[in-house]
Amino acid sequence: MRALHHPDANSVDLATVLNALADPVRLEVVRQLAESDGVVCGGLSVPVSMSTLSHHLKVLREAGLLRVIPQGSFRRHELRMTELEQRFPGVISSIIRSCPAPSVRPEQQPR
């Protein structure tokens, strides 16, 4: 498997980060990662195809928001929260706090 490029935290640009977070699917991915203490090994729940999700994860990785670590046939996705908070104090945590979990539609509620 080819090694993935992760930008150095000091080279991450705020405009690039904000642009990556401007998409609702990517914002939801980051929210889910933050909710799970920053690490997911494949359990993201977003209403897009796997290929579209892969694209969104790539954008987040290239923007410096995620670190992706291959683990066998899975990829571990880590939110680079500590590094981002050092680079842009309070920005990412404020964005995540302002993005509530999606509400469950009545037809999706357990019976």
PDB file of N, CA and C in Angstrom:
ATOM      1  N   MET A   1       0.847  -1.184   0.000  1.00  0.00           N
ATOM      2  CA  MET A   1       0.000   0.000   0.000  1.00  0.00           C
ATOM      3  C   MET A   1       0.889   1.243   0.000  1.00  0.00           C
ATOM      4  N   ARG A   2       0.537   2.198  -0.785  1.00  0.00           N
ATOM      5  CA  ARG A   2       1.273   3.447  -0.929  1.00  0.00           C
ATOM      6  C   ARG A   2       1.142   4.290   0.341  1.00  0.00           C
ATOM      7  N   ALA A   3       2.246   4.909   0.756  1.00  0.00           N
ATOM      8  CA  ALA A   3       2.229   5.777   1.937  1.00  0.00           C
ATOM      9  C   ALA A   3       1.381   7.015   1.657  1.00  0.00           C
ATOM     10  N   LEU A   4       0.652   7.459   2.664  1.00  0.00           N
ATOM     11  CA  LEU A   4      -0.203   8.630   2.522  1.00  0.00           C
ATOM     12  C   LEU A   4       0.535   9.875   2.996  1.00  0.00           C
ATOM     13  N   HIS A   5       0.323  10.984   2.288  1.00  0.00           N
ATOM     14  CA  HIS A   5       0.928  12.261   2.666  1.00  0.00           C
ATOM     15  C   HIS A   5       0.045  12.955   3.700  1.00  0.00           C
ATOM     16  N   HIS A   6       0.676  13.378   4.788  1.00  0.00           N
ATOM     17  CA  HIS A   6       0.003  14.168   5.810  1.00  0.00           C
ATOM     18  C   HIS A   6       0.791  15.469   5.963  1.00  0.00           C
ATOM     19  N   PRO A   7       0.153  16.608   5.754  1.00  0.00           N
ATOM     20  CA  PRO A   7       0.898  17.861   5.878  1.00  0.00           C
ATOM     21  C   PRO A   7       1.396  18.079   7.303  1.00  0.00           C
ATOM     22  N   ASP A   8       2.551  18.682   7.423  1.00  0.00           N
ATOM     23  CA  ASP A   8       3.082  19.062   8.721  1.00  0.00           C
ATOM     24  C   ASP A   8       2.110  20.065   9.344  1.00  0.00           C
ATOM     25  N   ALA A   9       1.860  19.935  10.632  1.00  0.00           N
ATOM     26  CA  ALA A   9       0.892  20.810  11.303  1.00  0.00           C
ATOM     27  C   ALA A   9       1.235  22.287  11.148  1.00  0.00           C
ATOM     28  N   ASN A  10       2.516  22.612  11.120  1.00  0.00           N
ATOM     29  CA  ASN A  10       2.920  24.015  10.991  1.00  0.00           C
ATOM     30  C   ASN A  10       2.676  24.578   9.597  1.00  0.00           C
ATOM     31  N   SER A  11       2.466  23.704   8.622  1.00  0.00           N
ATOM     32  CA  SER A  11       2.215  24.185   7.262  1.00  0.00           C
ATOM     33  C   SER A  11       0.725  24.223   6.930  1.00  0.00           C
ATOM     34  N   VAL A  12      -0.115  23.752   7.861  1.00  0.00           N
ATOM     35  CA  VAL A  12      -1.563  23.736   7.625  1.00  0.00           C
ATOM     36  C   VAL A  12      -2.071  25.176   7.604  1.00  0.00           C
ATOM     37  N   ASP A  13      -2.843  25.487   6.578  1.00  0.00           N
ATOM     38  CA  ASP A  13      -3.373  26.829   6.358  1.00  0.00           C
ATOM     39  C   ASP A  13      -4.828  26.901   6.838  1.00  0.00           C
ATOM     40  N   LEU A  14      -5.170  27.921   7.598  1.00  0.00           N
ATOM     41  CA  LEU A  14      -6.524  28.048   8.139  1.00  0.00           C
ATOM     42  C   LEU A  14      -7.579  28.092   7.040  1.00  0.00           C
ATOM     43  N   ALA A  15      -7.323  28.810   5.958  1.00  0.00           N
ATOM     44  CA  ALA A  15      -8.303  28.893   4.860  1.00  0.00           C
ATOM     45  C   ALA A  15      -8.562  27.515   4.261  1.00  0.00           C
ATOM     46  N   THR A  16      -7.529  26.695   4.140  1.00  0.00           N
ATOM     47  CA  THR A  16      -7.691  25.339   3.601  1.00  0.00           C
ATOM     48  C   THR A  16      -8.518  24.481   4.551  1.00  0.00           C
ATOM     49  N   VAL A  17      -8.246  24.602   5.854  1.00  0.00           N
ATOM     50  CA  VAL A  17      -9.018  23.866   6.856  1.00  0.00           C
ATOM     51  C   VAL A  17     -10.483  24.270   6.805  1.00  0.00           C
ATOM     52  N   LEU A  18     -10.734  25.570   6.792  1.00  0.00           N
ATOM     53  CA  LEU A  18     -12.124  26.043   6.768  1.00  0.00           C
ATOM     54  C   LEU A  18     -12.832  25.644   5.479  1.00  0.00           C
ATOM     55  N   ASN A  19     -12.121  25.661   4.374  1.00  0.00           N
ATOM     56  CA  ASN A  19     -12.701  25.227   3.106  1.00  0.00           C
ATOM     57  C   ASN A  19     -13.081  23.746   3.173  1.00  0.00           C
ATOM     58  N   ALA A  20     -12.213  22.931   3.760  1.00  0.00           N
ATOM     59  CA  ALA A  20     -12.525  21.498   3.892  1.00  0.00           C
ATOM     60  C   ALA A  20     -13.746  21.291   4.776  1.00  0.00           C
ATOM     61  N   LEU A  21     -13.895  22.107   5.808  1.00  0.00           N
ATOM     62  CA  LEU A  21     -15.029  21.966   6.729  1.00  0.00           C
ATOM     63  C   LEU A  21     -16.309  22.610   6.215  1.00  0.00           C
ATOM     64  N   ALA A  22     -16.245  23.299   5.084  1.00  0.00           N
ATOM     65  CA  ALA A  22     -17.423  23.969   4.529  1.00  0.00           C
ATOM     66  C   ALA A  22     -18.420  22.983   3.945  1.00  0.00           C
ATOM     67  N   ASP A  23     -17.994  21.765   3.665  1.00  0.00           N
ATOM     68  CA  ASP A  23     -18.899  20.751   3.114  1.00  0.00           C
ATOM     69  C   ASP A  23     -19.603  20.033   4.271  1.00  0.00           C
ATOM     70  N   PRO A  24     -20.934  19.907   4.232  1.00  0.00           N
ATOM     71  CA  PRO A  24     -21.674  19.284   5.341  1.00  0.00           C
ATOM     72  C   PRO A  24     -21.256  17.837   5.626  1.00  0.00           C
ATOM     73  N   VAL A  25     -20.923  17.074   4.601  1.00  0.00           N
ATOM     74  CA  VAL A  25     -20.510  15.679   4.822  1.00  0.00           C
ATOM     75  C   VAL A  25     -19.173  15.657   5.554  1.00  0.00           C
ATOM     76  N   ARG A  26     -18.234  16.467   5.121  1.00  0.00           N
ATOM     77  CA  ARG A  26     -16.932  16.497   5.787  1.00  0.00           C
ATOM     78  C   ARG A  26     -17.055  17.023   7.214  1.00  0.00           C
ATOM     79  N   LEU A  27     -17.900  17.998   7.421  1.00  0.00           N
ATOM     80  CA  LEU A  27     -18.136  18.506   8.769  1.00  0.00           C
ATOM     81  C   LEU A  27     -18.713  17.403   9.657  1.00  0.00           C
ATOM     82  N   GLU A  28     -19.618  16.609   9.114  1.00  0.00           N
ATOM     83  CA  GLU A  28     -20.197  15.491   9.872  1.00  0.00           C
ATOM     84  C   GLU A  28     -19.149  14.432  10.177  1.00  0.00           C
ATOM     85  N   VAL A  29     -18.263  14.159   9.245  1.00  0.00           N
ATOM     86  CA  VAL A  29     -17.174  13.200   9.488  1.00  0.00           C
ATOM     87  C   VAL A  29     -16.319  13.688  10.651  1.00  0.00           C
ATOM     88  N   VAL A  30     -15.947  14.952  10.648  1.00  0.00           N
ATOM     89  CA  VAL A  30     -15.124  15.513  11.720  1.00  0.00           C
ATOM     90  C   VAL A  30     -15.886  15.479  13.042  1.00  0.00           C
ATOM     91  N   ARG A  31     -17.181  15.773  13.017  1.00  0.00           N
ATOM     92  CA  ARG A  31     -17.998  15.726  14.238  1.00  0.00           C
ATOM     93  C   ARG A  31     -18.002  14.313  14.808  1.00  0.00           C
ATOM     94  N   GLN A  32     -18.193  13.306  13.931  1.00  0.00           N
ATOM     95  CA  GLN A  32     -18.199  11.918  14.394  1.00  0.00           C
ATOM     96  C   GLN A  32     -16.839  11.507  14.954  1.00  0.00           C
ATOM     97  N   LEU A  33     -15.775  11.954  14.298  1.00  0.00           N
ATOM     98  CA  LEU A  33     -14.437  11.647  14.806  1.00  0.00           C
ATOM     99  C   LEU A  33     -14.221  12.284  16.180  1.00  0.00           C
ATOM    100  N   ALA A  34     -14.641  13.523  16.340  1.00  0.00           N
ATOM    101  CA  ALA A  34     -14.489  14.200  17.628  1.00  0.00           C
ATOM    102  C   ALA A  34     -15.312  13.495  18.701  1.00  0.00           C
ATOM    103  N   GLU A  35     -16.502  13.057  18.345  1.00  0.00           N
ATOM    104  CA  GLU A  35     -17.383  12.368  19.278  1.00  0.00           C
ATOM    105  C   GLU A  35     -16.796  11.029  19.723  1.00  0.00           C
ATOM    106  N   SER A  36     -16.014  10.390  18.860  1.00  0.00           N
ATOM    107  CA  SER A  36     -15.420   9.090  19.183  1.00  0.00           C
ATOM    108  C   SER A  36     -13.983   9.240  19.664  1.00  0.00           C
ATOM    109  N   ASP A  37     -13.676  10.369  20.278  1.00  0.00           N
ATOM    110  CA  ASP A  37     -12.327  10.667  20.775  1.00  0.00           C
ATOM    111  C   ASP A  37     -11.295  10.721  19.670  1.00  0.00           C
ATOM    112  N   GLY A  38     -11.733  11.043  18.462  1.00  0.00           N
ATOM    113  CA  GLY A  38     -10.806  11.311  17.383  1.00  0.00           C
ATOM    114  C   GLY A  38     -10.344  10.143  16.555  1.00  0.00           C
ATOM    115  N   VAL A  39     -10.833   8.931  16.842  1.00  0.00           N
ATOM    116  CA  VAL A  39     -10.352   7.768  16.096  1.00  0.00           C
ATOM    117  C   VAL A  39     -11.527   6.921  15.614  1.00  0.00           C
ATOM    118  N   VAL A  40     -11.516   6.572  14.330  1.00  0.00           N
ATOM    119  CA  VAL A  40     -12.512   5.661  13.763  1.00  0.00           C
ATOM    120  C   VAL A  40     -11.797   4.724  12.816  1.00  0.00           C
ATOM    121  N   CYS A  41     -12.117   3.460  12.923  1.00  0.00           N
ATOM    122  CA  CYS A  41     -11.500   2.455  12.038  1.00  0.00           C
ATOM    123  C   CYS A  41     -12.510   1.927  11.031  1.00  0.00           C
ATOM    124  N   GLY A  42     -13.414   2.748  10.554  1.00  0.00           N
ATOM    125  CA  GLY A  42     -14.344   2.318   9.529  1.00  0.00           C
ATOM    126  C   GLY A  42     -15.803   2.508   9.880  1.00  0.00           C
ATOM    127  N   GLY A  43     -16.119   3.011  11.053  1.00  0.00           N
ATOM    128  CA  GLY A  43     -17.501   3.117  11.488  1.00  0.00           C
ATOM    129  C   GLY A  43     -18.137   4.474  11.283  1.00  0.00           C
ATOM    130  N   LEU A  44     -17.836   5.159  10.196  1.00  0.00           N
ATOM    131  CA  LEU A  44     -18.451   6.456   9.932  1.00  0.00           C
ATOM    132  C   LEU A  44     -19.821   6.253   9.299  1.00  0.00           C
ATOM    133  N   SER A  45     -20.777   7.042   9.746  1.00  0.00           N
ATOM    134  CA  SER A  45     -22.135   6.929   9.238  1.00  0.00           C
ATOM    135  C   SER A  45     -22.532   8.237   8.547  1.00  0.00           C
ATOM    136  N   VAL A  46     -22.369   8.249   7.223  1.00  0.00           N
ATOM    137  CA  VAL A  46     -22.748   9.418   6.430  1.00  0.00           C
ATOM    138  C   VAL A  46     -23.516   8.934   5.203  1.00  0.00           C
ATOM    139  N   PRO A  47     -24.452   9.752   4.707  1.00  0.00           N
ATOM    140  CA  PRO A  47     -25.331   9.319   3.610  1.00  0.00           C
ATOM    141  C   PRO A  47     -24.705   9.460   2.223  1.00  0.00           C
ATOM    142  N   VAL A  48     -23.510   8.882   2.033  1.00  0.00           N
ATOM    143  CA  VAL A  48     -22.849   8.936   0.735  1.00  0.00           C
ATOM    144  C   VAL A  48     -22.265   7.561   0.419  1.00  0.00           C
ATOM    145  N   SER A  49     -21.935   7.342  -0.835  1.00  0.00           N
ATOM    146  CA  SER A  49     -21.329   6.070  -1.240  1.00  0.00           C
ATOM    147  C   SER A  49     -19.907   5.976  -0.676  1.00  0.00           C
ATOM    148  N   MET A  50     -19.355   4.776  -0.675  1.00  0.00           N
ATOM    149  CA  MET A  50     -17.997   4.576  -0.173  1.00  0.00           C
ATOM    150  C   MET A  50     -16.981   5.379  -0.982  1.00  0.00           C
ATOM    151  N   SER A  51     -17.167   5.449  -2.299  1.00  0.00           N
ATOM    152  CA  SER A  51     -16.208   6.197  -3.111  1.00  0.00           C
ATOM    153  C   SER A  51     -16.281   7.690  -2.799  1.00  0.00           C
ATOM    154  N   THR A  52     -17.478   8.202  -2.562  1.00  0.00           N
ATOM    155  CA  THR A  52     -17.629   9.609  -2.200  1.00  0.00           C
ATOM    156  C   THR A  52     -17.044   9.868  -0.815  1.00  0.00           C
ATOM    157  N   LEU A  53     -17.275   8.952   0.114  1.00  0.00           N
ATOM    158  CA  LEU A  53     -16.700   9.084   1.449  1.00  0.00           C
ATOM    159  C   LEU A  53     -15.171   9.084   1.369  1.00  0.00           C
ATOM    160  N   SER A  54     -14.621   8.220   0.534  1.00  0.00           N
ATOM    161  CA  SER A  54     -13.160   8.184   0.357  1.00  0.00           C
ATOM    162  C   SER A  54     -12.643   9.528  -0.130  1.00  0.00           C
ATOM    163  N   HIS A  55     -13.368  10.144  -1.052  1.00  0.00           N
ATOM    164  CA  HIS A  55     -12.980  11.469  -1.547  1.00  0.00           C
ATOM    165  C   HIS A  55     -12.995  12.486  -0.407  1.00  0.00           C
ATOM    166  N   HIS A  56     -14.057  12.491   0.394  1.00  0.00           N
ATOM    167  CA  HIS A  56     -14.159  13.438   1.501  1.00  0.00           C
ATOM    168  C   HIS A  56     -13.029  13.223   2.513  1.00  0.00           C
ATOM    169  N   LEU A  57     -12.709  11.964   2.797  1.00  0.00           N
ATOM    170  CA  LEU A  57     -11.622  11.670   3.730  1.00  0.00           C
ATOM    171  C   LEU A  57     -10.283  12.160   3.179  1.00  0.00           C
ATOM    172  N   LYS A  58     -10.098  12.027   1.872  1.00  0.00           N
ATOM    173  CA  LYS A  58      -8.869  12.507   1.233  1.00  0.00           C
ATOM    174  C   LYS A  58      -8.758  14.028   1.364  1.00  0.00           C
ATOM    175  N   VAL A  59      -9.850  14.741   1.138  1.00  0.00           N
ATOM    176  CA  VAL A  59      -9.842  16.208   1.263  1.00  0.00           C
ATOM    177  C   VAL A  59      -9.490  16.603   2.697  1.00  0.00           C
ATOM    178  N   LEU A  60     -10.091  15.923   3.676  1.00  0.00           N
ATOM    179  CA  LEU A  60      -9.805  16.230   5.073  1.00  0.00           C
ATOM    180  C   LEU A  60      -8.348  15.926   5.428  1.00  0.00           C
ATOM    181  N   ARG A  61      -7.826  14.821   4.899  1.00  0.00           N
ATOM    182  CA  ARG A  61      -6.423  14.459   5.148  1.00  0.00           C
ATOM    183  C   ARG A  61      -5.488  15.487   4.536  1.00  0.00           C
ATOM    184  N   GLU A  62      -5.734  15.843   3.280  1.00  0.00           N
ATOM    185  CA  GLU A  62      -4.863  16.793   2.590  1.00  0.00           C
ATOM    186  C   GLU A  62      -4.932  18.194   3.194  1.00  0.00           C
ATOM    187  N   ALA A  63      -6.057  18.521   3.830  1.00  0.00           N
ATOM    188  CA  ALA A  63      -6.202  19.816   4.499  1.00  0.00           C
ATOM    189  C   ALA A  63      -5.504  19.822   5.857  1.00  0.00           C
ATOM    190  N   GLY A  64      -5.111  18.639   6.335  1.00  0.00           N
ATOM    191  CA  GLY A  64      -4.409  18.544   7.608  1.00  0.00           C
ATOM    192  C   GLY A  64      -5.284  18.207   8.790  1.00  0.00           C
ATOM    193  N   LEU A  65      -6.561  17.909   8.545  1.00  0.00           N
ATOM    194  CA  LEU A  65      -7.482  17.599   9.638  1.00  0.00           C
ATOM    195  C   LEU A  65      -7.388  16.158  10.120  1.00  0.00           C
ATOM    196  N   LEU A  66      -7.025  15.251   9.237  1.00  0.00           N
ATOM    197  CA  LEU A  66      -6.987  13.825   9.581  1.00  0.00           C
ATOM    198  C   LEU A  66      -5.610  13.235   9.368  1.00  0.00           C
ATOM    199  N   ARG A  67      -5.351  12.200  10.139  1.00  0.00           N
ATOM    200  CA  ARG A  67      -4.211  11.326   9.889  1.00  0.00           C
ATOM    201  C   ARG A  67      -4.834   9.960   9.587  1.00  0.00           C
ATOM    202  N   VAL A  68      -4.410   9.359   8.496  1.00  0.00           N
ATOM    203  CA  VAL A  68      -4.942   8.060   8.092  1.00  0.00           C
ATOM    204  C   VAL A  68      -3.811   7.049   8.199  1.00  0.00           C
ATOM    205  N   ILE A  69      -4.073   5.972   8.954  1.00  0.00           N
ATOM    206  CA  ILE A  69      -3.059   4.954   9.194  1.00  0.00           C
ATOM    207  C   ILE A  69      -3.597   3.608   8.721  1.00  0.00           C
ATOM    208  N   PRO A  70      -2.970   3.016   7.698  1.00  0.00           N
ATOM    209  CA  PRO A  70      -3.400   1.687   7.253  1.00  0.00           C
ATOM    210  C   PRO A  70      -3.161   0.653   8.351  1.00  0.00           C
ATOM    211  N   GLN A  71      -4.174  -0.177   8.605  1.00  0.00           N
ATOM    212  CA  GLN A  71      -4.067  -1.267   9.576  1.00  0.00           C
ATOM    213  C   GLN A  71      -4.675  -2.508   8.939  1.00  0.00           C
ATOM    214  N   GLY A  72      -3.840  -3.293   8.294  1.00  0.00           N
ATOM    215  CA  GLY A  72      -4.336  -4.465   7.586  1.00  0.00           C
ATOM    216  C   GLY A  72      -5.227  -4.031   6.443  1.00  0.00           C
ATOM    217  N   SER A  73      -6.458  -4.543   6.415  1.00  0.00           N
ATOM    218  CA  SER A  73      -7.383  -4.184   5.344  1.00  0.00           C
ATOM    219  C   SER A  73      -8.228  -2.953   5.699  1.00  0.00           C
ATOM    220  N   PHE A  74      -7.984  -2.374   6.870  1.00  0.00           N
ATOM    221  CA  PHE A  74      -8.715  -1.190   7.292  1.00  0.00           C
ATOM    222  C   PHE A  74      -7.793   0.010   7.338  1.00  0.00           C
ATOM    223  N   ARG A  75      -8.406   1.173   7.450  1.00  0.00           N
ATOM    224  CA  ARG A  75      -7.645   2.407   7.655  1.00  0.00           C
ATOM    225  C   ARG A  75      -8.165   3.068   8.908  1.00  0.00           C
ATOM    226  N   ARG A  76      -7.259   3.419   9.760  1.00  0.00           N
ATOM    227  CA  ARG A  76      -7.599   4.113  11.007  1.00  0.00           C
ATOM    228  C   ARG A  76      -7.589   5.601  10.704  1.00  0.00           C
ATOM    229  N   HIS A  77      -8.681   6.288  11.008  1.00  0.00           N
ATOM    230  CA  HIS A  77      -8.800   7.723  10.762  1.00  0.00           C
ATOM    231  C   HIS A  77      -8.736   8.451  12.095  1.00  0.00           C
ATOM    232  N   GLU A  78      -7.747   9.318  12.228  1.00  0.00           N
ATOM    233  CA  GLU A  78      -7.558  10.065  13.464  1.00  0.00           C
ATOM    234  C   GLU A  78      -7.718  11.554  13.206  1.00  0.00           C
ATOM    235  N   LEU A  79      -8.510  12.195  14.024  1.00  0.00           N
ATOM    236  CA  LEU A  79      -8.645  13.646  13.980  1.00  0.00           C
ATOM    237  C   LEU A  79      -7.402  14.238  14.641  1.00  0.00           C
ATOM    238  N   ARG A  80      -6.745  15.149  13.973  1.00  0.00           N
ATOM    239  CA  ARG A  80      -5.506  15.747  14.486  1.00  0.00           C
ATOM    240  C   ARG A  80      -5.837  16.931  15.407  1.00  0.00           C
ATOM    241  N   MET A  81      -6.694  16.680  16.373  1.00  0.00           N
ATOM    242  CA  MET A  81      -7.234  17.730  17.230  1.00  0.00           C
ATOM    243  C   MET A  81      -6.146  18.457  18.024  1.00  0.00           C
ATOM    244  N   THR A  82      -5.260  17.725  18.662  1.00  0.00           N
ATOM    245  CA  THR A  82      -4.222  18.368  19.481  1.00  0.00           C
ATOM    246  C   THR A  82      -3.355  19.288  18.637  1.00  0.00           C
ATOM    247  N   GLU A  83      -2.924  18.790  17.478  1.00  0.00           N
ATOM    248  CA  GLU A  83      -2.081  19.599  16.590  1.00  0.00           C
ATOM    249  C   GLU A  83      -2.827  20.824  16.074  1.00  0.00           C
ATOM    250  N   LEU A  84      -4.106  20.632  15.714  1.00  0.00           N
ATOM    251  CA  LEU A  84      -4.896  21.747  15.183  1.00  0.00           C
ATOM    252  C   LEU A  84      -5.190  22.789  16.253  1.00  0.00           C
ATOM    253  N   GLU A  85      -5.437  22.334  17.480  1.00  0.00           N
ATOM    254  CA  GLU A  85      -5.699  23.275  18.573  1.00  0.00           C
ATOM    255  C   GLU A  85      -4.445  24.079  18.909  1.00  0.00           C
ATOM    256  N   GLN A  86      -3.276  23.465  18.751  1.00  0.00           N
ATOM    257  CA  GLN A  86      -2.033  24.219  18.968  1.00  0.00           C
ATOM    258  C   GLN A  86      -1.833  25.246  17.857  1.00  0.00           C
ATOM    259  N   ARG A  87      -2.161  24.860  16.640  1.00  0.00           N
ATOM    260  CA  ARG A  87      -1.969  25.741  15.477  1.00  0.00           C
ATOM    261  C   ARG A  87      -2.998  26.869  15.443  1.00  0.00           C
ATOM    262  N   PHE A  88      -4.276  26.513  15.713  1.00  0.00           N
ATOM    263  CA  PHE A  88      -5.387  27.471  15.666  1.00  0.00           C
ATOM    264  C   PHE A  88      -6.201  27.341  16.958  1.00  0.00           C
ATOM    265  N   PRO A  89      -5.730  27.913  18.068  1.00  0.00           N
ATOM    266  CA  PRO A  89      -6.387  27.721  19.365  1.00  0.00           C
ATOM    267  C   PRO A  89      -7.884  28.042  19.341  1.00  0.00           C
ATOM    268  N   GLY A  90      -8.675  27.051  19.739  1.00  0.00           N
ATOM    269  CA  GLY A  90     -10.114  27.223  19.880  1.00  0.00           C
ATOM    270  C   GLY A  90     -10.934  27.156  18.613  1.00  0.00           C
ATOM    271  N   VAL A  91     -10.321  27.241  17.452  1.00  0.00           N
ATOM    272  CA  VAL A  91     -11.079  27.315  16.202  1.00  0.00           C
ATOM    273  C   VAL A  91     -11.800  25.993  15.904  1.00  0.00           C
ATOM    274  N   ILE A  92     -11.058  24.913  15.851  1.00  0.00           N
ATOM    275  CA  ILE A  92     -11.657  23.627  15.473  1.00  0.00           C
ATOM    276  C   ILE A  92     -12.642  23.159  16.536  1.00  0.00           C
ATOM    277  N   SER A  93     -12.290  23.305  17.809  1.00  0.00           N
ATOM    278  CA  SER A  93     -13.211  22.880  18.866  1.00  0.00           C
ATOM    279  C   SER A  93     -14.503  23.699  18.832  1.00  0.00           C
ATOM    280  N   SER A  94     -14.415  24.986  18.517  1.00  0.00           N
ATOM    281  CA  SER A  94     -15.625  25.824  18.410  1.00  0.00           C
ATOM    282  C   SER A  94     -16.503  25.379  17.247  1.00  0.00           C
ATOM    283  N   ILE A  95     -15.887  25.056  16.136  1.00  0.00           N
ATOM    284  CA  ILE A  95     -16.646  24.587  14.972  1.00  0.00           C
ATOM    285  C   ILE A  95     -17.352  23.285  15.301  1.00  0.00           C
ATOM    286  N   ILE A  96     -16.641  22.368  15.934  1.00  0.00           N
ATOM    287  CA  ILE A  96     -17.232  21.070  16.276  1.00  0.00           C
ATOM    288  C   ILE A  96     -18.379  21.244  17.269  1.00  0.00           C
ATOM    289  N   ARG A  97     -18.198  22.099  18.275  1.00  0.00           N
ATOM    290  CA  ARG A  97     -19.267  22.331  19.255  1.00  0.00           C
ATOM    291  C   ARG A  97     -20.506  22.940  18.609  1.00  0.00           C
ATOM    292  N   SER A  98     -20.336  23.729  17.564  1.00  0.00           N
ATOM    293  CA  SER A  98     -21.472  24.396  16.930  1.00  0.00           C
ATOM    294  C   SER A  98     -22.215  23.489  15.963  1.00  0.00           C
ATOM    295  N   CYS A  99     -21.731  22.292  15.756  1.00  0.00           N
ATOM    296  CA  CYS A  99     -22.339  21.388  14.778  1.00  0.00           C
ATOM    297  C   CYS A  99     -22.997  20.226  15.525  1.00  0.00           C
ATOM    298  N   PRO A 100     -24.300  20.354  15.796  1.00  0.00           N
ATOM    299  CA  PRO A 100     -25.005  19.320  16.560  1.00  0.00           C
ATOM    300  C   PRO A 100     -25.137  18.019  15.771  1.00  0.00           C
ATOM    301  N   ALA A 101     -25.318  16.950  16.509  1.00  0.00           N
ATOM    302  CA  ALA A 101     -25.557  15.650  15.879  1.00  0.00           C
ATOM    303  C   ALA A 101     -26.844  15.733  15.075  1.00  0.00           C
ATOM    304  N   PRO A 102     -26.893  15.069  13.921  1.00  0.00           N
ATOM    305  CA  PRO A 102     -28.120  15.102  13.117  1.00  0.00           C
ATOM    306  C   PRO A 102     -29.269  14.471  13.897  1.00  0.00           C
ATOM    307  N   SER A 103     -30.437  15.044  13.750  1.00  0.00           N
ATOM    308  CA  SER A 103     -31.592  14.474  14.449  1.00  0.00           C
ATOM    309  C   SER A 103     -32.075  13.226  13.720  1.00  0.00           C
ATOM    310  N   VAL A 104     -32.677  12.336  14.477  1.00  0.00           N
ATOM    311  CA  VAL A 104     -33.201  11.094  13.917  1.00  0.00           C
ATOM    312  C   VAL A 104     -34.615  11.357  13.418  1.00  0.00           C
ATOM    313  N   ARG A 105     -34.851  11.005  12.162  1.00  0.00           N
ATOM    314  CA  ARG A 105     -36.197  11.168  11.607  1.00  0.00           C
ATOM    315  C   ARG A 105     -37.116  10.125  12.242  1.00  0.00           C
ATOM    316  N   PRO A 106     -38.417  10.409  12.367  1.00  0.00           N
ATOM    317  CA  PRO A 106     -39.353   9.479  13.014  1.00  0.00           C
ATOM    318  C   PRO A 106     -39.288   8.056  12.445  1.00  0.00           C
ATOM    319  N   GLU A 107     -39.126   7.905  11.138  1.00  0.00           N
ATOM    320  CA  GLU A 107     -39.102   6.571  10.551  1.00  0.00           C
ATOM    321  C   GLU A 107     -37.827   5.810  10.895  1.00  0.00           C
ATOM    322  N   GLN A 108     -36.812   6.508  11.444  1.00  0.00           N
ATOM    323  CA  GLN A 108     -35.551   5.866  11.812  1.00  0.00           C
ATOM    324  C   GLN A 108     -35.481   5.511  13.290  1.00  0.00           C
ATOM    325  N   GLN A 109     -36.455   5.981  14.078  1.00  0.00           N
ATOM    326  CA  GLN A 109     -36.410   5.729  15.508  1.00  0.00           C
ATOM    327  C   GLN A 109     -36.670   4.249  15.792  1.00  0.00           C
ATOM    328  N   PRO A 110     -35.952   3.683  16.784  1.00  0.00           N
ATOM    329  CA  PRO A 110     -36.171   2.276  17.137  1.00  0.00           C
ATOM    330  C   PRO A 110     -37.572   2.072  17.679  1.00  0.00           C
ATOM    331  N   ARG A 111     -38.116   0.908  17.431  1.00  0.00           N
ATOM    332  CA  ARG A 111     -39.479   0.607  17.933  1.00  0.00           C
ATOM    333  C   ARG A 111     -39.422  -0.267  19.140  1.00  0.00           C
TER     334      ARG A 111
END
